Protein backbone atom coordinates (compact mmCIF):
# COMPACT_ATOMS: atom_id res chain seq x y z
CA MET A 1 58.31 -21.56 -82.71
CA VAL A 2 59.36 -24.39 -80.45
CA ASP A 3 60.83 -21.94 -77.91
CA ARG A 4 57.60 -19.97 -77.73
CA TRP A 5 55.45 -23.01 -77.06
CA ALA A 6 58.00 -24.54 -74.70
CA ALA A 7 57.86 -21.29 -72.74
CA ALA A 8 54.06 -21.44 -72.74
CA LEU A 9 54.21 -24.94 -71.28
CA LEU A 10 56.80 -23.91 -68.72
CA LEU A 11 54.60 -21.07 -67.50
CA THR A 12 51.87 -23.58 -66.62
CA THR A 13 54.05 -26.04 -64.72
CA LEU A 14 54.16 -24.33 -61.36
CA ALA A 15 50.38 -24.16 -60.97
CA GLY A 16 49.16 -25.99 -57.95
CA CYS A 17 46.31 -28.47 -57.50
CA ALA A 18 43.98 -28.84 -60.44
CA GLY A 19 41.84 -25.78 -59.96
CA SER A 20 43.51 -23.01 -58.04
CA GLY A 21 45.87 -24.31 -55.32
CA THR A 22 49.55 -23.51 -55.20
CA ALA A 23 52.50 -25.82 -54.80
CA PRO A 24 53.41 -26.43 -51.15
CA GLU A 25 56.25 -24.39 -49.71
CA PRO A 26 58.92 -26.08 -47.56
CA ALA A 27 57.61 -24.21 -44.50
CA GLU A 28 54.44 -26.32 -44.64
CA LEU A 29 56.45 -29.46 -43.77
CA THR A 30 56.57 -28.91 -40.03
CA PRO A 31 58.98 -31.38 -38.41
CA ILE A 32 57.72 -33.80 -35.78
CA VAL A 33 59.83 -33.17 -32.68
CA THR A 34 58.12 -35.32 -30.03
CA PRO A 35 59.68 -38.79 -29.71
CA ALA A 36 57.48 -41.85 -29.39
CA ASP A 37 57.42 -43.97 -26.22
CA ALA A 38 60.39 -45.99 -27.49
CA LEU A 39 62.72 -43.19 -26.33
CA SER A 40 60.94 -42.23 -23.11
CA GLY A 41 63.20 -41.80 -20.12
CA ASP A 42 66.39 -41.25 -22.13
CA PRO A 43 67.91 -37.91 -21.06
CA ARG A 44 70.01 -37.62 -24.25
CA ALA A 45 66.90 -38.08 -26.40
CA GLU A 46 65.10 -35.48 -24.29
CA ALA A 47 67.94 -33.01 -24.85
CA ALA A 48 67.72 -33.61 -28.61
CA ARG A 49 63.97 -33.11 -28.50
CA ALA A 50 64.41 -29.82 -26.62
CA ALA A 51 66.87 -28.59 -29.26
CA ALA A 52 64.44 -29.49 -32.05
CA ALA A 53 61.55 -27.81 -30.23
CA ALA A 54 63.68 -24.65 -30.00
CA GLY A 55 64.31 -24.74 -33.76
CA ARG A 56 67.93 -25.90 -33.47
CA TYR A 57 67.30 -28.66 -35.98
CA GLU A 58 70.86 -29.31 -37.08
CA GLN A 59 72.00 -29.69 -33.48
CA ALA A 60 69.10 -32.05 -32.79
CA ARG A 61 69.83 -34.11 -35.91
CA GLN A 62 73.43 -34.59 -34.89
CA ALA A 63 72.33 -35.64 -31.40
CA TYR A 64 69.87 -38.20 -32.75
CA GLU A 65 72.44 -39.64 -35.15
CA ALA A 66 74.98 -39.87 -32.31
CA LEU A 67 72.43 -41.88 -30.32
CA LEU A 68 71.77 -44.04 -33.36
CA ALA A 69 75.44 -44.98 -33.66
CA SER A 70 75.35 -46.81 -30.30
CA GLU A 71 71.74 -48.01 -30.23
CA THR A 72 71.04 -51.74 -30.67
CA ASP A 73 67.30 -51.99 -30.03
CA PRO A 74 65.47 -52.11 -33.43
CA ALA A 75 62.44 -50.16 -32.24
CA ARG A 76 64.56 -47.38 -30.79
CA ARG A 77 66.77 -47.33 -33.89
CA GLY A 78 63.76 -46.86 -36.15
CA GLU A 79 62.53 -43.98 -34.01
CA LEU A 80 65.96 -42.32 -34.01
CA VAL A 81 66.22 -42.56 -37.80
CA PHE A 82 62.82 -40.95 -38.20
CA LEU A 83 63.52 -38.11 -35.78
CA ALA A 84 66.92 -37.46 -37.36
CA ALA A 85 65.16 -37.24 -40.74
CA GLU A 86 62.59 -34.83 -39.34
CA CYS A 87 65.33 -32.61 -37.97
CA ALA A 88 67.14 -32.67 -41.32
CA LEU A 89 63.84 -31.59 -42.88
CA GLY A 90 63.56 -28.75 -40.37
CA ALA A 91 67.10 -27.66 -41.21
CA SER A 92 66.23 -27.65 -44.95
CA ASP A 93 68.79 -30.40 -45.52
CA PHE A 94 66.38 -32.09 -47.89
CA HIS A 95 68.84 -34.51 -49.44
CA ARG A 96 69.86 -35.88 -46.05
CA ALA A 97 66.22 -36.07 -45.01
CA ALA A 98 65.32 -38.10 -48.11
CA THR A 99 68.23 -40.46 -47.45
CA LEU A 100 67.16 -41.00 -43.83
CA TYR A 101 63.51 -41.60 -44.71
CA GLN A 102 64.57 -44.17 -47.30
CA ARG A 103 66.78 -45.79 -44.67
CA LEU A 104 63.82 -46.17 -42.34
CA LEU A 105 61.70 -47.70 -45.11
CA SER A 106 64.35 -50.25 -46.04
CA ASP A 107 65.71 -51.10 -42.58
CA HIS A 108 62.63 -50.73 -40.36
CA PRO A 109 59.53 -51.83 -42.30
CA GLY A 110 57.73 -52.60 -39.03
CA SER A 111 58.23 -49.13 -37.56
CA PRO A 112 55.08 -47.29 -36.50
CA ARG A 113 56.59 -44.32 -38.37
CA PHE A 114 56.61 -46.21 -41.67
CA GLY A 115 53.48 -44.56 -43.11
CA GLN A 116 54.70 -41.11 -42.12
CA ALA A 117 58.09 -41.79 -43.73
CA VAL A 118 56.40 -42.88 -46.98
CA GLU A 119 54.51 -39.61 -47.18
CA ARG A 120 57.65 -37.64 -46.31
CA VAL A 121 59.53 -39.28 -49.20
CA PHE A 122 56.81 -38.04 -51.55
CA GLN A 123 56.81 -34.55 -50.04
CA VAL A 124 60.58 -34.16 -50.23
CA GLY A 125 60.74 -35.61 -53.75
CA ARG A 126 58.05 -33.20 -54.87
CA LEU A 127 59.96 -30.23 -53.46
CA PHE A 128 62.96 -31.27 -55.54
CA CYS A 129 60.82 -31.71 -58.65
CA LEU A 130 59.34 -28.24 -58.20
CA GLY A 131 62.74 -26.66 -57.64
CA GLN A 132 61.95 -25.78 -54.02
CA ALA A 133 64.65 -28.01 -52.53
CA THR A 134 68.37 -28.24 -53.27
CA ARG A 135 71.06 -30.86 -52.82
CA PRO A 136 74.81 -31.22 -53.48
CA SER A 137 75.45 -31.20 -57.22
CA TRP A 138 77.89 -34.11 -56.86
CA PHE A 139 77.17 -37.05 -54.60
CA PHE A 140 78.84 -40.48 -54.55
CA GLY A 141 80.36 -39.78 -57.96
CA VAL A 142 76.99 -39.16 -59.67
CA GLU A 143 75.98 -35.69 -60.74
CA PHE A 144 72.29 -34.74 -60.71
CA THR A 145 70.36 -31.52 -60.92
CA ASN A 146 67.79 -30.90 -58.22
CA HIS A 147 64.99 -31.76 -60.64
CA GLU A 148 66.69 -34.98 -61.70
CA PHE A 149 67.08 -36.03 -58.08
CA GLY A 150 63.41 -35.31 -57.44
CA ILE A 151 62.46 -37.44 -60.43
CA ARG A 152 64.54 -40.33 -59.09
CA VAL A 153 62.97 -40.06 -55.62
CA LEU A 154 59.40 -39.97 -56.92
CA GLU A 155 59.94 -42.68 -59.53
CA ARG A 156 61.22 -44.93 -56.76
CA PHE A 157 58.22 -43.92 -54.63
CA ARG A 158 55.73 -44.78 -57.37
CA ASP A 159 57.47 -47.98 -58.49
CA ALA A 160 57.07 -49.33 -54.97
CA ARG A 161 53.53 -48.03 -54.43
CA GLU A 162 51.58 -47.67 -57.69
CA ARG A 163 48.24 -47.73 -55.83
CA HIS A 164 49.26 -45.25 -53.13
CA PRO A 165 46.86 -42.27 -52.92
CA LEU A 166 49.77 -39.97 -53.82
CA ALA A 167 51.04 -41.98 -56.82
CA ASP A 168 49.21 -39.78 -59.35
CA ASP A 169 50.53 -36.65 -57.62
CA ALA A 170 54.03 -38.10 -57.91
CA LEU A 171 53.62 -38.60 -61.66
CA HIS A 172 52.38 -35.05 -62.10
CA ALA A 173 55.36 -33.67 -60.17
CA ILE A 174 57.70 -35.84 -62.27
CA ALA A 175 56.17 -34.37 -65.43
CA LEU A 176 56.71 -30.83 -64.13
CA ALA A 177 60.36 -31.61 -63.46
CA HIS A 178 60.81 -32.99 -66.98
CA VAL A 179 59.40 -29.74 -68.37
CA GLU A 180 61.89 -27.74 -66.31
CA LEU A 181 64.65 -29.90 -67.83
CA GLY A 182 63.30 -29.38 -71.36
CA GLU A 183 62.37 -33.08 -71.62
CA TYR A 184 58.95 -32.53 -73.18
CA GLU A 185 58.42 -36.04 -74.52
CA LYS A 186 59.08 -37.51 -71.07
CA ALA A 187 56.71 -34.98 -69.52
CA GLN A 188 54.06 -35.94 -72.06
CA ALA A 189 54.56 -39.63 -71.26
CA SER A 190 54.13 -38.99 -67.52
CA TRP A 191 50.90 -37.06 -68.00
CA GLU A 192 49.57 -39.72 -70.35
CA THR A 193 50.30 -42.31 -67.66
CA VAL A 194 48.20 -40.25 -65.24
CA ILE A 195 45.35 -40.27 -67.78
CA ARG A 196 45.65 -43.99 -68.47
CA GLU A 197 46.32 -45.43 -65.02
CA TYR A 198 44.54 -42.95 -62.73
CA PRO A 199 41.35 -41.99 -64.60
CA THR A 200 39.68 -40.60 -61.45
CA SER A 201 42.67 -38.46 -60.43
CA GLU A 202 42.19 -34.75 -59.86
CA TRP A 203 45.09 -34.28 -62.29
CA VAL A 204 43.39 -35.85 -65.34
CA ASP A 205 41.99 -32.52 -66.54
CA THR A 206 45.40 -30.83 -66.25
CA ALA A 207 47.20 -33.88 -67.68
CA HIS A 208 45.16 -33.72 -70.92
CA TYR A 209 45.91 -30.03 -71.30
CA ARG A 210 49.62 -30.13 -70.53
CA ALA A 211 50.24 -33.28 -72.57
CA ALA A 212 48.85 -31.35 -75.56
CA LEU A 213 51.24 -28.47 -74.91
CA ALA A 214 54.12 -30.93 -74.52
CA VAL A 215 53.40 -32.27 -78.02
CA LEU A 216 53.52 -28.72 -79.32
CA ALA A 217 56.80 -27.96 -77.56
CA THR A 218 58.50 -30.82 -79.40
CA GLY A 219 57.61 -29.42 -82.83
CA SER A 220 59.46 -27.03 -85.12
CA GLY A 221 56.58 -24.88 -86.27
CA ALA A 222 54.13 -24.99 -89.16
CA ARG A 223 56.76 -23.98 -91.67
CA TYR A 224 58.76 -27.15 -91.08
CA ASP A 225 56.38 -29.74 -89.70
CA LYS A 226 52.66 -29.31 -89.21
CA ALA A 227 52.09 -32.73 -87.66
CA PRO A 228 52.74 -31.67 -84.01
CA LEU A 229 50.52 -28.62 -84.46
CA ARG A 230 47.69 -30.70 -85.91
CA GLU A 231 48.04 -33.29 -83.17
CA THR A 232 47.94 -30.53 -80.57
CA VAL A 233 44.80 -29.08 -82.14
CA ALA A 234 43.18 -32.52 -82.04
CA ARG A 235 44.16 -32.97 -78.39
CA LEU A 236 42.86 -29.55 -77.40
CA ARG A 237 39.56 -30.21 -79.15
CA ARG A 238 39.38 -33.52 -77.32
CA TYR A 239 39.92 -31.60 -74.08
CA GLN A 240 36.97 -29.37 -74.93
CA GLN A 241 34.80 -32.45 -75.48
CA LEU A 242 35.85 -34.09 -72.22
CA PHE A 243 36.01 -30.96 -70.04
CA PRO A 244 33.74 -28.26 -71.54
CA THR A 245 33.95 -26.28 -68.29
CA GLY A 246 37.38 -27.60 -67.24
CA ASN A 247 40.07 -25.79 -65.31
CA HIS A 248 41.89 -24.87 -68.54
CA ALA A 249 38.89 -24.23 -70.82
CA GLN A 250 39.75 -20.59 -71.48
CA GLU A 251 43.44 -21.29 -72.17
CA VAL A 252 42.50 -24.13 -74.50
CA GLN A 253 40.17 -21.92 -76.54
CA ALA A 254 42.77 -19.17 -76.82
CA GLN A 255 45.47 -21.60 -77.90
CA LEU A 256 43.20 -23.25 -80.46
CA GLU A 257 42.54 -19.87 -82.02
CA GLU A 258 46.25 -19.08 -82.12
CA LEU A 259 47.17 -22.45 -83.60
CA ASN A 260 44.48 -22.20 -86.26
CA GLU A 261 45.78 -18.76 -87.19
CA GLU A 262 49.30 -20.14 -87.48
CA LEU A 263 48.29 -23.11 -89.61
CA ALA A 264 46.10 -20.94 -91.84
CA ALA A 265 48.86 -18.36 -92.25
CA HIS A 266 51.21 -21.09 -93.39
CA GLU A 267 48.70 -22.35 -95.98
CA LEU A 268 48.25 -18.78 -97.21
CA ALA A 269 52.01 -18.40 -97.58
CA VAL A 270 52.10 -21.58 -99.67
CA ALA A 271 49.27 -20.28 -101.86
CA ARG A 272 51.16 -17.04 -102.45
CA PHE A 273 54.28 -19.01 -103.23
CA TYR A 274 52.44 -20.80 -106.04
CA LEU A 275 50.93 -17.56 -107.27
CA GLY A 276 54.42 -16.13 -107.47
CA ARG A 277 55.38 -19.11 -109.64
CA SER A 278 52.38 -18.58 -111.96
CA ARG A 279 50.61 -21.72 -110.76
CA PRO A 280 47.11 -20.45 -109.92
CA TYR A 281 45.47 -23.88 -109.84
CA ALA A 282 47.82 -25.09 -107.08
CA ALA A 283 47.32 -21.81 -105.22
CA ASP A 284 43.56 -22.21 -105.44
CA LEU A 285 43.73 -25.63 -103.76
CA TYR A 286 45.42 -24.10 -100.72
CA LEU A 287 43.09 -21.11 -100.64
CA ALA A 288 40.09 -23.43 -100.71
CA ALA A 289 41.59 -25.49 -97.91
CA ILE A 290 41.97 -22.35 -95.75
CA LEU A 291 38.33 -21.40 -96.27
CA ARG A 292 37.23 -24.95 -95.46
CA ASP A 293 39.46 -25.70 -92.47
CA TYR A 294 40.10 -22.27 -90.91
CA PRO A 295 37.02 -20.17 -91.71
CA GLY A 296 37.26 -17.84 -88.74
CA THR A 297 40.88 -16.79 -89.15
CA GLU A 298 42.44 -13.61 -90.46
CA ALA A 299 44.13 -15.69 -93.16
CA ALA A 300 40.68 -16.80 -94.36
CA VAL A 301 39.75 -13.18 -95.10
CA ASP A 302 42.83 -12.77 -97.30
CA ALA A 303 42.29 -16.20 -98.84
CA LEU A 304 38.75 -15.30 -99.90
CA ALA A 305 39.91 -12.06 -101.49
CA LEU A 306 42.73 -13.82 -103.33
CA ARG A 307 40.53 -16.67 -104.50
CA THR A 308 37.89 -14.28 -105.79
CA SER A 309 40.52 -12.55 -107.91
CA LEU A 310 41.92 -15.77 -109.40
CA PRO A 311 41.00 -16.77 -112.95
CA ARG A 312 39.21 -20.08 -113.15
CA THR A 313 41.73 -22.64 -114.42
CA SER A 314 41.68 -26.32 -115.25
CA PRO A 315 43.79 -28.88 -113.45
CA PRO A 316 47.23 -29.42 -114.96
CA ALA A 317 47.47 -32.25 -117.44
CA ALA A 318 48.26 -35.68 -116.01
CA ALA A 319 51.84 -36.86 -116.36
CA SER A 320 52.48 -39.15 -119.30
CA GLY A 321 53.85 -42.68 -119.07
CA LEU A 322 53.22 -45.34 -116.49
CA ARG A 323 52.64 -42.84 -113.72
CA GLY A 324 49.41 -41.79 -115.36
CA LEU A 325 48.16 -45.37 -115.14
CA GLU A 326 48.56 -45.63 -111.36
CA LEU A 327 45.36 -46.08 -109.43
CA GLU A 328 44.69 -43.93 -106.38
CA ASP A 329 42.07 -44.34 -103.70
CA GLU A 330 40.08 -41.29 -102.63
CA GLU A 331 42.19 -40.58 -99.57
CA GLN A 332 45.42 -40.63 -101.57
CA ARG A 333 43.93 -38.35 -104.20
CA GLN A 334 42.80 -35.82 -101.62
CA ASP A 335 46.22 -35.87 -99.96
CA ARG A 336 47.91 -35.27 -103.30
CA LEU A 337 45.61 -32.38 -104.22
CA ARG A 338 45.25 -30.66 -100.90
CA LEU A 339 48.11 -31.57 -98.63
CA ALA A 340 51.05 -32.13 -100.93
CA PRO A 341 54.09 -30.43 -99.41
CA ALA A 342 55.11 -27.29 -101.23
CA PRO A 343 58.71 -26.31 -101.91
CA ILE A 344 59.17 -23.31 -99.65
CA ASP A 345 62.12 -20.97 -100.06
CA ASP A 346 63.29 -18.25 -97.69
CA SER A 347 62.15 -15.29 -99.76
CA TRP A 348 58.72 -14.83 -98.18
């Protein structure tokens, strides 16, 4: 059960912008190859620019970093770091690019390239989160997967800039990476943060839907624990209330129908278990619950036929002794009669 719903969640994670867009490909991140005025008149910088313009990004990166090693002017150093990062990006050396952009942000906060570097950190981190960028599996003695590295990059991005226009996008990408890693509770937490802290985000619709699926992916199925399924049903119904024509309205309706069928089928199995143990009154409670809670399901058809065939019986006698003197409120009584867990064996 959990594998099926985890797979269902995974199939939704690579969808693009809320609506119909697709996740950006690395080719969309076109490197900036023209140096700013800070490097004008330097023939070595011009040679590096020419190499980058010709698509020889690795050669250009090495040239810029060689210039950086001997440069003392802060403005020129900031420009060289940025251009080296852009060339690393063009060479698909995404880990090096991320490191260089972070270097610019920490060492050159006054650089005119600062805003561009901030956006590049997000873009590169997102590529890692979506599995579209790779890095060495072992770096400075710490082993990360590509998705884990992307999570670290975007968490750092958002921690420093919670009100940045891309902060909600960063959280969504982080959630997708957690799903890829099988960390469904962390994915759920990220989407719930989108809902709570960025209520006008384009991702709120999708966050409600995928957080519901993340709850489901953490469960073990109706046979073992119905709580995650019931919570998911409640969340999906809440989605329908908030987004009646939302981006995921059709998927939500289909999944609600499937979940209701699964829950009803489990209740029917419990009823049959009791019938097999000659306990028709207990079976009738479950059959009645199916007809009340899941009237449109296939299990409800079988439940009606079974219930019609049952003899009318009285409730079992109350237990003797002090237990019979205990007082119950209405909610406790209903739970005992309708929702008491049944001992299920493996024979059905």
